[in-house]
Amino acid sequence: MILSDGSPDAEGLPTTTDDDGVLWRQHPDGNHDWWDAELRVWVRW
């Protein structure tokens, strides 16, 4: 889930960063995940 540059791999899904600096990605079915920078994993919302 981590790219060679240390950034999260969104696996080709569209991403956005909210006003609090949280990175989100959206799945084709409309579900969202947010990036837990501490655990370095995507968390289903």
Protein backbone atom coordinates (compact mmCIF):
# COMPACT_ATOMS: atom_id res chain seq x y z
CA MET A 1 0.00 0.00 0.00
CA ILE A 2 3.06 2.28 0.09
CA LEU A 3 4.79 3.53 -3.06
CA SER A 4 8.55 3.68 -3.36
CA ASP A 5 8.49 7.40 -2.55
CA GLY A 6 6.71 6.66 0.77
CA SER A 7 3.31 7.95 -0.31
CA PRO A 8 0.11 5.88 -0.06
CA ASP A 9 -0.89 3.85 -3.11
CA ALA A 10 -4.44 4.88 -4.07
CA GLU A 11 -4.49 1.94 -6.53
CA GLY A 12 -5.65 4.20 -9.35
CA LEU A 13 -8.71 5.44 -7.46
CA PRO A 14 -9.53 9.17 -7.35
CA THR A 15 -8.27 10.90 -4.22
CA THR A 16 -8.91 14.17 -2.42
CA THR A 17 -7.50 15.81 0.69
CA ASP A 18 -9.96 17.43 3.08
CA ASP A 19 -9.52 20.66 5.06
CA ASP A 20 -7.97 18.70 7.94
CA GLY A 21 -5.30 17.20 5.66
CA VAL A 22 -6.84 13.72 5.59
CA LEU A 23 -6.39 11.86 2.30
CA TRP A 24 -9.49 10.09 0.97
CA ARG A 25 -10.00 7.76 -1.99
CA GLN A 26 -13.28 6.83 -3.63
CA HIS A 27 -14.18 3.38 -4.98
CA PRO A 28 -16.36 2.93 -8.11
CA ASP A 29 -19.24 1.74 -5.89
CA GLY A 30 -19.19 5.08 -4.01
CA ASN A 31 -17.51 3.82 -0.85
CA HIS A 32 -14.62 5.80 0.63
CA ASP A 33 -11.41 4.99 2.50
CA TRP A 34 -9.23 7.41 4.43
CA TRP A 35 -5.47 7.11 4.82
CA ASP A 36 -4.30 6.45 8.40
CA ALA A 37 -0.82 7.94 8.22
CA GLU A 38 0.14 6.50 11.62
CA LEU A 39 -0.74 2.90 10.76
CA ARG A 40 0.01 3.44 7.04
CA VAL A 41 -3.17 1.69 5.87
CA TRP A 42 -6.41 2.62 4.11
CA VAL A 43 -9.41 2.51 6.48
CA ARG A 44 -12.91 1.93 5.08
CA TRP A 45 -15.30 4.75 6.03
